[in-house]
């Protein structure tokens, strides 16, 4: 049986308990054994993390010991998947640049606040994660992120929709959903999920995240079958 760890907490405004329960239910229906933790101490044992197939982050803001991020880094590099939504993964631990490096992006603004209606434009042909899913509309925060140029973009949204200083620049397509690799591991992110009800109001957003979690978790088995190790990526130089 595949094993997943969901760690939830931080700012309550993103409803981490509700989203964690939703994600746990999805994974259990897919045959996973799921542990949900409300403390970051669940990241303390690096060897135990490497026994997982998937880590799901539901923790907005806050601070984290560098050693804990290093443990997640080595676990994902070994093949363990990492997935998260919205600020629960890409607005976690703002002072920790290694976390941002692993996840592929960092929230910087949502002009206009909550309740912005916008279109999520699927990048067709990019990944089986979005295969068969059409563009859809959501009404939630319109996330502006600073992103890793190495990410594989699966969906975008057009900026600007709300007037603000950034509107002085040309219109751009901001990534909403992406994947990336970290060593032998797979990382999946969706910017959708400010409140838990976005997954009910826009069912495609839940289906994308379900597929994304499964894709990330499959990386562990792939690494084992193909005798992949992160050894060639290891660098002992000080990286923080």
Foldseek 3Di string as FASTA:
>chain_A
DAEEEEEADADCLLVRVLVVVVVVVLVVVVVYDYDYHPDLCVLVDLVVLLSHLEYEFQHAEDADDVNSLVSVLQSQLFFRFYEYEARSQQRYHVVDVSSCVVQWKHWDDQPPAFFQKWKKQFPPPQDPLCPPPHIDIFGTGDTDIDGDPQKRAGIWTKDDPHDDPVVVDDIDTGGQWTWDGRNLFIYTYGNPRSYPCRCVVPVSVVSSRSSVRVVRSVSNVVCVVVVGGSVVVDDPPDDD
